[in-house]
Amino acid sequence: MANCKWPFLSLFVILVVGLLGASIYNQFSVASTVTLLAQAPKPLDKPPAGQTYVGSKECSSCHFDQFLTWRETKHAKGFDVLPAKYQEDKSCLKCHATGHGEATGFESKAKTPGLAGTSCESCHGPGSKHTEIAKSFGKKKLAKDEEAYVRSTIYLIHPKNACVQCHQSRAHKKHPAYDK
């Protein structure tokens, strides 16, 4: 009879330890989830430094309607209106291509076609980390605080405002005629 108690006692101990372990795991798991949900990312004071240019095609993956509107503007065609002999002229490319002269900016139509013309990142600055952070949320609809955080990872208008750099530097004069 004494030998019959051991299997039941062993089974009872295993059951108690299993339930206790599951309870502790469940409490930890629920507590972690609640903590994560309560800690929505806070908007940044300014976008992260060290971003690189990603090009208008990458921007269009989330901002498709804006891309379709931009695509029909003079800014989108800014590079294409340059006569061939000016398509390598640095004084023209600073306004007719995105990020020209910067490490990850426009190099040529062949190497960096997504940066030809005055594209999204001319106004908003390079968007690599913005893209990375936005994609980390997947395809879900963002809550207001998440959206505020993602928006804070890129400039609404870059401090080195491209509008002023190109349009005001011309002092509202007519664009110089091209020597075709």
N, C-alpha and C. Protein backbone atom coordinates (compact mmCIF):
# COMPACT_ATOMS: atom_id res chain seq x y z
N MET A 1 0.80 -1.18 0.00
CA MET A 1 0.00 0.00 0.00
C MET A 1 0.86 1.26 0.00
N ALA A 2 1.92 1.22 0.74
CA ALA A 2 2.79 2.38 0.83
C ALA A 2 3.39 2.70 -0.53
N ASN A 3 3.65 1.67 -1.32
CA ASN A 3 4.22 1.90 -2.65
C ASN A 3 3.23 2.55 -3.59
N CYS A 4 1.93 2.40 -3.35
CA CYS A 4 0.92 2.99 -4.23
C CYS A 4 0.82 4.51 -4.04
N LYS A 5 1.22 5.03 -2.90
CA LYS A 5 1.11 6.47 -2.64
C LYS A 5 2.15 7.26 -3.44
N TRP A 6 3.32 6.71 -3.70
CA TRP A 6 4.40 7.44 -4.35
C TRP A 6 4.04 7.93 -5.75
N PRO A 7 3.44 7.12 -6.59
CA PRO A 7 3.09 7.65 -7.92
C PRO A 7 2.09 8.79 -7.82
N PHE A 8 1.12 8.69 -6.90
CA PHE A 8 0.13 9.76 -6.75
C PHE A 8 0.77 11.02 -6.19
N LEU A 9 1.66 10.83 -5.21
CA LEU A 9 2.35 11.96 -4.59
C LEU A 9 3.24 12.65 -5.63
N SER A 10 3.95 11.88 -6.44
CA SER A 10 4.81 12.43 -7.50
C SER A 10 3.97 13.21 -8.52
N LEU A 11 2.86 12.63 -8.90
CA LEU A 11 1.96 13.29 -9.84
C LEU A 11 1.42 14.59 -9.26
N PHE A 12 1.08 14.56 -7.96
CA PHE A 12 0.58 15.75 -7.28
C PHE A 12 1.64 16.85 -7.25
N VAL A 13 2.88 16.52 -6.93
CA VAL A 13 3.98 17.49 -6.88
C VAL A 13 4.21 18.09 -8.27
N ILE A 14 4.22 17.25 -9.29
CA ILE A 14 4.42 17.74 -10.66
C ILE A 14 3.30 18.69 -11.06
N LEU A 15 2.08 18.33 -10.71
CA LEU A 15 0.92 19.17 -11.02
C LEU A 15 1.02 20.53 -10.32
N VAL A 16 1.35 20.54 -9.04
CA VAL A 16 1.47 21.78 -8.27
C VAL A 16 2.58 22.66 -8.83
N VAL A 17 3.75 22.07 -9.09
CA VAL A 17 4.88 22.83 -9.63
C VAL A 17 4.50 23.39 -11.02
N GLY A 18 3.84 22.58 -11.84
CA GLY A 18 3.43 23.03 -13.16
C GLY A 18 2.45 24.19 -13.10
N LEU A 19 1.45 24.08 -12.22
CA LEU A 19 0.48 25.16 -12.08
C LEU A 19 1.12 26.43 -11.53
N LEU A 20 1.99 26.27 -10.56
CA LEU A 20 2.69 27.41 -9.98
C LEU A 20 3.55 28.09 -11.05
N GLY A 21 4.28 27.29 -11.81
CA GLY A 21 5.12 27.84 -12.87
C GLY A 21 4.30 28.56 -13.93
N ALA A 22 3.19 27.97 -14.33
CA ALA A 22 2.32 28.58 -15.33
C ALA A 22 1.74 29.89 -14.82
N SER A 23 1.39 29.91 -13.55
CA SER A 23 0.84 31.12 -12.95
C SER A 23 1.87 32.24 -12.95
N ILE A 24 3.09 31.92 -12.55
CA ILE A 24 4.16 32.93 -12.53
C ILE A 24 4.43 33.42 -13.95
N TYR A 25 4.51 32.49 -14.91
CA TYR A 25 4.76 32.87 -16.30
C TYR A 25 3.64 33.76 -16.83
N ASN A 26 2.40 33.38 -16.55
CA ASN A 26 1.24 34.13 -17.01
C ASN A 26 1.24 35.54 -16.42
N GLN A 27 1.55 35.66 -15.13
CA GLN A 27 1.60 36.98 -14.50
C GLN A 27 2.68 37.83 -15.14
N PHE A 28 3.85 37.25 -15.37
CA PHE A 28 4.95 37.99 -15.98
C PHE A 28 4.58 38.41 -17.40
N SER A 29 4.00 37.49 -18.15
CA SER A 29 3.64 37.77 -19.53
C SER A 29 2.57 38.86 -19.62
N VAL A 30 1.53 38.78 -18.83
CA VAL A 30 0.48 39.79 -18.83
C VAL A 30 1.03 41.13 -18.36
N ALA A 31 1.85 41.10 -17.30
CA ALA A 31 2.43 42.35 -16.79
C ALA A 31 3.32 43.01 -17.85
N SER A 32 4.08 42.20 -18.57
CA SER A 32 4.95 42.76 -19.62
C SER A 32 4.13 43.39 -20.73
N THR A 33 3.08 42.72 -21.14
CA THR A 33 2.24 43.24 -22.21
C THR A 33 1.57 44.54 -21.78
N VAL A 34 1.04 44.58 -20.56
CA VAL A 34 0.40 45.80 -20.05
C VAL A 34 1.41 46.93 -19.99
N THR A 35 2.62 46.64 -19.52
CA THR A 35 3.67 47.66 -19.44
C THR A 35 4.00 48.19 -20.83
N LEU A 36 4.16 47.30 -21.80
CA LEU A 36 4.50 47.73 -23.15
C LEU A 36 3.39 48.57 -23.76
N LEU A 37 2.15 48.17 -23.55
CA LEU A 37 1.04 48.93 -24.10
C LEU A 37 0.92 50.30 -23.45
N ALA A 38 1.28 50.40 -22.18
CA ALA A 38 1.16 51.67 -21.46
C ALA A 38 2.29 52.63 -21.85
N GLN A 39 3.39 52.09 -22.41
CA GLN A 39 4.54 52.92 -22.74
C GLN A 39 4.59 53.20 -24.24
N ALA A 40 3.69 53.99 -24.73
CA ALA A 40 3.71 54.37 -26.14
C ALA A 40 4.93 55.25 -26.37
N PRO A 41 5.57 55.13 -27.53
CA PRO A 41 6.75 55.96 -27.79
C PRO A 41 6.40 57.44 -27.76
N LYS A 42 7.27 58.21 -27.19
CA LYS A 42 7.07 59.67 -27.11
C LYS A 42 7.65 60.31 -28.38
N PRO A 43 6.97 61.33 -28.91
CA PRO A 43 7.53 62.03 -30.08
C PRO A 43 8.90 62.61 -29.75
N LEU A 44 9.76 62.61 -30.74
CA LEU A 44 11.12 63.12 -30.58
C LEU A 44 11.12 64.64 -30.73
N ASP A 45 12.09 65.29 -30.08
CA ASP A 45 12.23 66.74 -30.24
C ASP A 45 12.64 67.11 -31.66
N LYS A 46 13.47 66.26 -32.26
CA LYS A 46 13.86 66.44 -33.65
C LYS A 46 14.19 65.06 -34.22
N PRO A 47 14.13 64.92 -35.54
CA PRO A 47 14.40 63.61 -36.15
C PRO A 47 15.80 63.09 -35.80
N PRO A 48 15.96 61.76 -35.80
CA PRO A 48 17.28 61.19 -35.49
C PRO A 48 18.33 61.67 -36.48
N ALA A 49 19.54 61.83 -35.99
CA ALA A 49 20.65 62.24 -36.85
C ALA A 49 21.13 61.03 -37.66
N GLY A 50 21.92 61.30 -38.67
CA GLY A 50 22.55 60.23 -39.44
C GLY A 50 21.64 59.52 -40.42
N GLN A 51 20.55 60.15 -40.81
CA GLN A 51 19.66 59.51 -41.78
C GLN A 51 20.26 59.60 -43.19
N THR A 52 19.90 58.65 -44.01
CA THR A 52 20.34 58.66 -45.40
C THR A 52 19.13 58.81 -46.31
N TYR A 53 19.38 59.19 -47.54
CA TYR A 53 18.30 59.37 -48.51
C TYR A 53 17.81 58.00 -48.97
N VAL A 54 16.49 57.86 -49.11
CA VAL A 54 15.90 56.59 -49.55
C VAL A 54 15.21 56.70 -50.91
N GLY A 55 14.85 57.89 -51.33
CA GLY A 55 14.23 58.08 -52.64
C GLY A 55 12.72 58.06 -52.61
N SER A 56 12.15 58.66 -53.65
CA SER A 56 10.70 58.83 -53.70
C SER A 56 9.93 57.52 -53.80
N LYS A 57 10.52 56.50 -54.39
CA LYS A 57 9.82 55.20 -54.48
C LYS A 57 9.59 54.63 -53.08
N GLU A 58 10.57 54.73 -52.23
CA GLU A 58 10.43 54.24 -50.85
C GLU A 58 9.37 55.06 -50.11
N CYS A 59 9.38 56.37 -50.30
CA CYS A 59 8.37 57.22 -49.66
C CYS A 59 6.97 56.83 -50.12
N SER A 60 6.84 56.51 -51.40
CA SER A 60 5.52 56.20 -51.96
C SER A 60 4.92 54.92 -51.37
N SER A 61 5.73 54.06 -50.78
CA SER A 61 5.18 52.82 -50.23
C SER A 61 4.21 53.10 -49.08
N CYS A 62 4.33 54.23 -48.42
CA CYS A 62 3.38 54.62 -47.37
C CYS A 62 2.56 55.85 -47.76
N HIS A 63 3.15 56.71 -48.55
CA HIS A 63 2.53 58.00 -48.90
C HIS A 63 2.16 58.01 -50.38
N PHE A 64 1.39 57.02 -50.80
CA PHE A 64 1.11 56.85 -52.22
C PHE A 64 0.29 57.99 -52.82
N ASP A 65 -0.72 58.44 -52.12
CA ASP A 65 -1.54 59.55 -52.65
C ASP A 65 -0.71 60.81 -52.84
N GLN A 66 0.14 61.10 -51.85
CA GLN A 66 1.02 62.27 -51.95
C GLN A 66 1.99 62.10 -53.12
N PHE A 67 2.49 60.88 -53.28
CA PHE A 67 3.41 60.59 -54.38
C PHE A 67 2.75 60.84 -55.73
N LEU A 68 1.51 60.38 -55.89
CA LEU A 68 0.79 60.57 -57.16
C LEU A 68 0.59 62.05 -57.47
N THR A 69 0.31 62.85 -56.45
CA THR A 69 0.15 64.29 -56.63
C THR A 69 1.49 64.92 -57.01
N TRP A 70 2.54 64.59 -56.25
CA TRP A 70 3.87 65.15 -56.51
C TRP A 70 4.35 64.80 -57.91
N ARG A 71 4.12 63.58 -58.32
CA ARG A 71 4.61 63.07 -59.61
C ARG A 71 4.18 63.94 -60.79
N GLU A 72 3.08 64.67 -60.62
CA GLU A 72 2.56 65.53 -61.70
C GLU A 72 3.06 66.97 -61.60
N THR A 73 3.89 67.27 -60.62
CA THR A 73 4.35 68.65 -60.42
C THR A 73 5.64 68.94 -61.18
N LYS A 74 5.94 70.24 -61.28
CA LYS A 74 7.21 70.66 -61.89
C LYS A 74 8.40 70.17 -61.06
N HIS A 75 8.21 70.07 -59.76
CA HIS A 75 9.31 69.59 -58.92
C HIS A 75 9.73 68.18 -59.29
N ALA A 76 8.77 67.32 -59.54
CA ALA A 76 9.08 65.93 -59.91
C ALA A 76 9.85 65.87 -61.22
N LYS A 77 9.58 66.81 -62.10
CA LYS A 77 10.20 66.82 -63.42
C LYS A 77 11.42 67.76 -63.47
N GLY A 78 11.83 68.26 -62.32
CA GLY A 78 12.91 69.24 -62.25
C GLY A 78 14.20 68.79 -62.89
N PHE A 79 14.54 67.54 -62.78
CA PHE A 79 15.77 67.04 -63.39
C PHE A 79 15.57 66.85 -64.89
N ASP A 80 14.42 66.33 -65.25
CA ASP A 80 14.16 66.00 -66.66
C ASP A 80 14.09 67.23 -67.56
N VAL A 81 13.78 68.40 -67.01
CA VAL A 81 13.73 69.61 -67.83
C VAL A 81 15.11 70.18 -68.11
N LEU A 82 16.11 69.69 -67.38
CA LEU A 82 17.48 70.16 -67.63
C LEU A 82 17.99 69.60 -68.96
N PRO A 83 18.52 70.46 -69.82
CA PRO A 83 19.17 69.94 -71.03
C PRO A 83 20.32 69.02 -70.63
N ALA A 84 20.62 68.04 -71.44
CA ALA A 84 21.64 67.03 -71.13
C ALA A 84 22.96 67.63 -70.64
N LYS A 85 23.37 68.72 -71.25
CA LYS A 85 24.67 69.29 -70.87
C LYS A 85 24.68 69.89 -69.46
N TYR A 86 23.49 70.12 -68.88
CA TYR A 86 23.41 70.67 -67.53
C TYR A 86 23.12 69.60 -66.47
N GLN A 87 22.90 68.37 -66.89
CA GLN A 87 22.53 67.32 -65.95
C GLN A 87 23.68 66.84 -65.06
N GLU A 88 24.85 67.42 -65.27
CA GLU A 88 25.97 67.16 -64.37
C GLU A 88 26.52 68.46 -63.78
N ASP A 89 25.86 69.55 -64.03
CA ASP A 89 26.28 70.86 -63.55
C ASP A 89 25.86 71.03 -62.09
N LYS A 90 26.84 71.12 -61.20
CA LYS A 90 26.56 71.18 -59.76
C LYS A 90 25.68 72.38 -59.38
N SER A 91 25.86 73.48 -60.08
CA SER A 91 25.06 74.66 -59.74
C SER A 91 23.58 74.45 -60.11
N CYS A 92 23.30 73.57 -61.05
CA CYS A 92 21.91 73.25 -61.41
C CYS A 92 21.36 72.13 -60.51
N LEU A 93 22.20 71.14 -60.24
CA LEU A 93 21.75 69.96 -59.50
C LEU A 93 21.38 70.26 -58.05
N LYS A 94 21.94 71.32 -57.48
CA LYS A 94 21.60 71.63 -56.09
C LYS A 94 20.10 71.92 -55.94
N CYS A 95 19.44 72.35 -57.02
CA CYS A 95 18.00 72.61 -56.98
C CYS A 95 17.18 71.61 -57.79
N HIS A 96 17.79 70.97 -58.76
CA HIS A 96 17.05 70.09 -59.67
C HIS A 96 17.19 68.61 -59.32
N ALA A 97 17.86 68.30 -58.22
CA ALA A 97 18.01 66.91 -57.76
C ALA A 97 18.01 66.92 -56.23
N THR A 98 17.62 65.83 -55.64
CA THR A 98 17.48 65.74 -54.18
C THR A 98 18.79 65.31 -53.52
N GLY A 99 19.26 66.14 -52.61
CA GLY A 99 20.44 65.79 -51.82
C GLY A 99 21.75 65.82 -52.57
N HIS A 100 21.78 66.48 -53.73
CA HIS A 100 23.04 66.52 -54.49
C HIS A 100 24.14 67.17 -53.65
N GLY A 101 25.30 66.55 -53.65
CA GLY A 101 26.43 67.07 -52.89
C GLY A 101 26.51 66.49 -51.48
N GLU A 102 25.52 65.74 -51.06
CA GLU A 102 25.54 65.09 -49.75
C GLU A 102 25.91 63.63 -49.94
N ALA A 103 26.45 63.02 -48.91
CA ALA A 103 26.99 61.66 -48.99
C ALA A 103 26.04 60.65 -49.64
N THR A 104 24.77 60.68 -49.30
CA THR A 104 23.84 59.67 -49.84
C THR A 104 22.83 60.29 -50.80
N GLY A 105 23.10 61.52 -51.23
CA GLY A 105 22.18 62.21 -52.13
C GLY A 105 22.36 61.83 -53.59
N PHE A 106 21.72 62.61 -54.46
CA PHE A 106 21.73 62.35 -55.89
C PHE A 106 23.15 62.31 -56.43
N GLU A 107 23.44 61.28 -57.25
CA GLU A 107 24.72 61.18 -57.94
C GLU A 107 24.51 61.34 -59.44
N SER A 108 23.60 60.54 -59.97
CA SER A 108 23.27 60.60 -61.40
C SER A 108 21.93 59.91 -61.60
N LYS A 109 21.31 60.15 -62.74
CA LYS A 109 20.02 59.51 -63.03
C LYS A 109 20.17 57.99 -63.05
N ALA A 110 21.31 57.50 -63.50
CA ALA A 110 21.54 56.05 -63.57
C ALA A 110 21.76 55.44 -62.18
N LYS A 111 22.52 56.12 -61.32
CA LYS A 111 22.86 55.56 -60.01
C LYS A 111 21.77 55.79 -58.96
N THR A 112 21.14 56.95 -58.98
CA THR A 112 20.15 57.30 -57.95
C THR A 112 18.91 57.91 -58.59
N PRO A 113 18.18 57.13 -59.37
CA PRO A 113 17.02 57.67 -60.08
C PRO A 113 15.91 58.18 -59.16
N GLY A 114 15.78 57.61 -57.96
CA GLY A 114 14.75 58.04 -57.02
C GLY A 114 15.01 59.39 -56.40
N LEU A 115 16.18 59.95 -56.68
CA LEU A 115 16.53 61.27 -56.14
C LEU A 115 16.60 62.33 -57.24
N ALA A 116 16.25 61.95 -58.46
CA ALA A 116 16.21 62.92 -59.56
C ALA A 116 14.98 63.81 -59.36
N GLY A 117 15.15 65.07 -59.59
CA GLY A 117 14.05 66.01 -59.37
C GLY A 117 14.04 66.46 -57.92
N THR A 118 13.13 67.33 -57.60
CA THR A 118 12.98 67.84 -56.25
C THR A 118 11.92 66.97 -55.58
N SER A 119 12.37 65.93 -54.89
CA SER A 119 11.46 64.94 -54.35
C SER A 119 11.18 65.16 -52.86
N CYS A 120 10.50 64.23 -52.27
CA CYS A 120 10.04 64.30 -50.87
C CYS A 120 11.14 64.77 -49.92
N GLU A 121 12.30 64.17 -50.06
CA GLU A 121 13.38 64.43 -49.11
C GLU A 121 14.06 65.78 -49.33
N SER A 122 13.73 66.48 -50.40
CA SER A 122 14.22 67.86 -50.57
C SER A 122 13.57 68.73 -49.50
N CYS A 123 12.33 68.47 -49.21
CA CYS A 123 11.58 69.26 -48.22
C CYS A 123 11.68 68.67 -46.81
N HIS A 124 11.66 67.36 -46.71
CA HIS A 124 11.57 66.70 -45.39
C HIS A 124 12.90 66.19 -44.87
N GLY A 125 13.95 66.23 -45.67
CA GLY A 125 15.24 65.71 -45.24
C GLY A 125 15.32 64.21 -45.48
N PRO A 126 16.52 63.64 -45.34
CA PRO A 126 16.69 62.20 -45.55
C PRO A 126 15.76 61.40 -44.64
N GLY A 127 15.26 60.26 -45.17
CA GLY A 127 14.22 59.54 -44.44
C GLY A 127 14.49 58.10 -44.07
N SER A 128 15.74 57.67 -44.01
CA SER A 128 16.01 56.25 -43.75
C SER A 128 15.50 55.78 -42.39
N LYS A 129 15.74 56.53 -41.35
CA LYS A 129 15.29 56.09 -40.02
C LYS A 129 13.78 56.26 -39.87
N HIS A 130 13.22 57.27 -40.52
CA HIS A 130 11.77 57.45 -40.53
C HIS A 130 11.12 56.20 -41.15
N THR A 131 11.67 55.78 -42.28
CA THR A 131 11.16 54.60 -42.98
C THR A 131 11.28 53.36 -42.11
N GLU A 132 12.45 53.18 -41.50
CA GLU A 132 12.71 52.01 -40.65
C GLU A 132 11.74 51.97 -39.47
N ILE A 133 11.57 53.09 -38.80
CA ILE A 133 10.68 53.15 -37.63
C ILE A 133 9.23 52.95 -38.04
N ALA A 134 8.81 53.57 -39.13
CA ALA A 134 7.43 53.43 -39.59
C ALA A 134 7.13 51.97 -39.95
N LYS A 135 8.07 51.32 -40.62
CA LYS A 135 7.87 49.93 -41.02
C LYS A 135 7.85 48.98 -39.83
N SER A 136 8.46 49.38 -38.71
CA SER A 136 8.48 48.51 -37.53
C SER A 136 7.08 48.31 -36.95
N PHE A 137 6.14 49.19 -37.30
CA PHE A 137 4.76 49.06 -36.84
C PHE A 137 3.94 48.14 -37.74
N GLY A 138 4.52 47.72 -38.85
CA GLY A 138 3.80 46.85 -39.77
C GLY A 138 2.72 47.63 -40.51
N LYS A 139 1.69 46.93 -40.91
CA LYS A 139 0.63 47.55 -41.71
C LYS A 139 -0.57 47.99 -40.88
N LYS A 140 -0.44 47.89 -39.55
CA LYS A 140 -1.57 48.23 -38.69
C LYS A 140 -1.88 49.72 -38.72
N LYS A 141 -3.11 50.07 -38.40
CA LYS A 141 -3.50 51.47 -38.25
C LYS A 141 -2.87 51.99 -36.96
N LEU A 142 -2.12 53.05 -37.06
CA LEU A 142 -1.41 53.58 -35.88
C LEU A 142 -2.35 54.35 -34.97
N ALA A 143 -2.12 54.19 -33.67
CA ALA A 143 -2.81 55.02 -32.68
C ALA A 143 -2.24 56.43 -32.80
N LYS A 144 -2.94 57.42 -32.26
CA LYS A 144 -2.51 58.82 -32.39
C LYS A 144 -1.11 59.04 -31.83
N ASP A 145 -0.79 58.43 -30.68
CA ASP A 145 0.53 58.63 -30.09
C ASP A 145 1.61 57.94 -30.92
N GLU A 146 1.30 56.80 -31.54
CA GLU A 146 2.26 56.12 -32.41
C GLU A 146 2.50 56.95 -33.68
N GLU A 147 1.42 57.48 -34.23
CA GLU A 147 1.54 58.31 -35.42
C GLU A 147 2.37 59.57 -35.13
N ALA A 148 2.15 60.18 -33.97
CA ALA A 148 2.93 61.36 -33.58
C ALA A 148 4.41 61.01 -33.47
N TYR A 149 4.69 59.83 -32.93
CA TYR A 149 6.08 59.38 -32.81
C TYR A 149 6.71 59.19 -34.19
N VAL A 150 6.02 58.48 -35.08
CA VAL A 150 6.55 58.24 -36.43
C VAL A 150 6.77 59.56 -37.16
N ARG A 151 5.80 60.46 -37.06
CA ARG A 151 5.95 61.77 -37.73
C ARG A 151 7.13 62.56 -37.17
N SER A 152 7.46 62.34 -35.92
CA SER A 152 8.57 63.09 -35.31
C SER A 152 9.94 62.59 -35.77
N THR A 153 9.98 61.53 -36.56
CA THR A 153 11.26 60.98 -37.01
C THR A 153 11.71 61.55 -38.35
N ILE A 154 10.96 62.53 -38.88
CA ILE A 154 11.36 63.22 -40.10
C ILE A 154 10.82 64.65 -39.99
N TYR A 155 11.46 65.57 -40.67
CA TYR A 155 11.04 66.97 -40.59
C TYR A 155 9.75 67.20 -41.36
N LEU A 156 8.88 68.04 -40.82
CA LEU A 156 7.72 68.51 -41.56
C LEU A 156 8.24 69.36 -42.73
N ILE A 157 9.12 70.29 -42.42
CA ILE A 157 9.89 71.05 -43.41
C ILE A 157 11.31 71.13 -42.87
N HIS A 158 12.26 70.68 -43.67
CA HIS A 158 13.67 70.65 -43.25
C HIS A 158 14.14 72.05 -42.87
N PRO A 159 14.93 72.18 -41.79
CA PRO A 159 15.41 73.50 -41.37
C PRO A 159 16.19 74.24 -42.48
N LYS A 160 16.90 73.49 -43.31
CA LYS A 160 17.58 74.10 -44.45
C LYS A 160 16.57 74.11 -45.60
N ASN A 161 15.52 74.84 -45.42
CA ASN A 161 14.36 74.84 -46.30
C ASN A 161 14.75 74.96 -47.77
N ALA A 162 14.47 73.91 -48.51
CA ALA A 162 14.81 73.86 -49.93
C ALA A 162 14.10 74.94 -50.72
N CYS A 163 12.90 75.30 -50.30
CA CYS A 163 12.16 76.35 -51.02
C CYS A 163 12.99 77.63 -51.03
N VAL A 164 13.45 78.00 -49.85
CA VAL A 164 14.22 79.23 -49.71
C VAL A 164 15.55 79.11 -50.45
N GLN A 165 16.21 77.98 -50.30
CA GLN A 165 17.52 77.81 -50.93
C GLN A 165 17.47 77.94 -52.44
N CYS A 166 16.41 77.45 -53.05
CA CYS A 166 16.34 77.51 -54.52
C CYS A 166 15.53 78.69 -55.03
N HIS A 167 14.38 78.93 -54.45
CA HIS A 167 13.51 79.99 -54.98
C HIS A 167 13.91 81.38 -54.49
N GLN A 168 14.20 81.54 -53.23
CA GLN A 168 14.58 82.86 -52.71
C GLN A 168 15.97 83.26 -53.18
N SER A 169 16.84 82.28 -53.38
CA SER A 169 18.20 82.62 -53.84
C SER A 169 18.14 83.23 -55.24
N ARG A 170 17.08 82.94 -55.95
CA ARG A 170 16.88 83.53 -57.27
C ARG A 170 16.19 84.88 -57.14
N ALA A 171 15.85 85.27 -55.91
CA ALA A 171 15.18 86.55 -55.62
C ALA A 171 13.96 86.76 -56.51
N HIS A 172 13.25 85.69 -56.75
CA HIS A 172 12.03 85.71 -57.56
C HIS A 172 12.27 86.21 -58.97
N LYS A 173 13.48 86.03 -59.45
CA LYS A 173 13.78 86.38 -60.83
C LYS A 173 13.48 85.19 -61.71
N LYS A 174 13.33 85.44 -62.97
CA LYS A 174 13.10 84.37 -63.93
C LYS A 174 14.32 83.45 -63.97
N HIS A 175 14.05 82.16 -64.12
CA HIS A 175 15.13 81.17 -64.21
C HIS A 175 16.01 81.52 -65.41
N PRO A 176 17.34 81.40 -65.29
CA PRO A 176 18.20 81.73 -66.43
C PRO A 176 17.88 80.83 -67.64
N ALA A 177 17.99 81.39 -68.81
CA ALA A 177 17.73 80.63 -70.04
C ALA A 177 18.85 79.61 -70.21
N TYR A 178 18.47 78.44 -70.68
CA TYR A 178 19.47 77.40 -70.92
C TYR A 178 20.14 77.64 -72.27
N ASP A 179 21.44 77.43 -72.28
CA ASP A 179 22.18 77.48 -73.52
C ASP A 179 22.15 76.07 -74.09
N LYS A 180 21.19 75.82 -74.97
CA LYS A 180 21.01 74.45 -75.48
C LYS A 180 21.99 74.18 -76.52
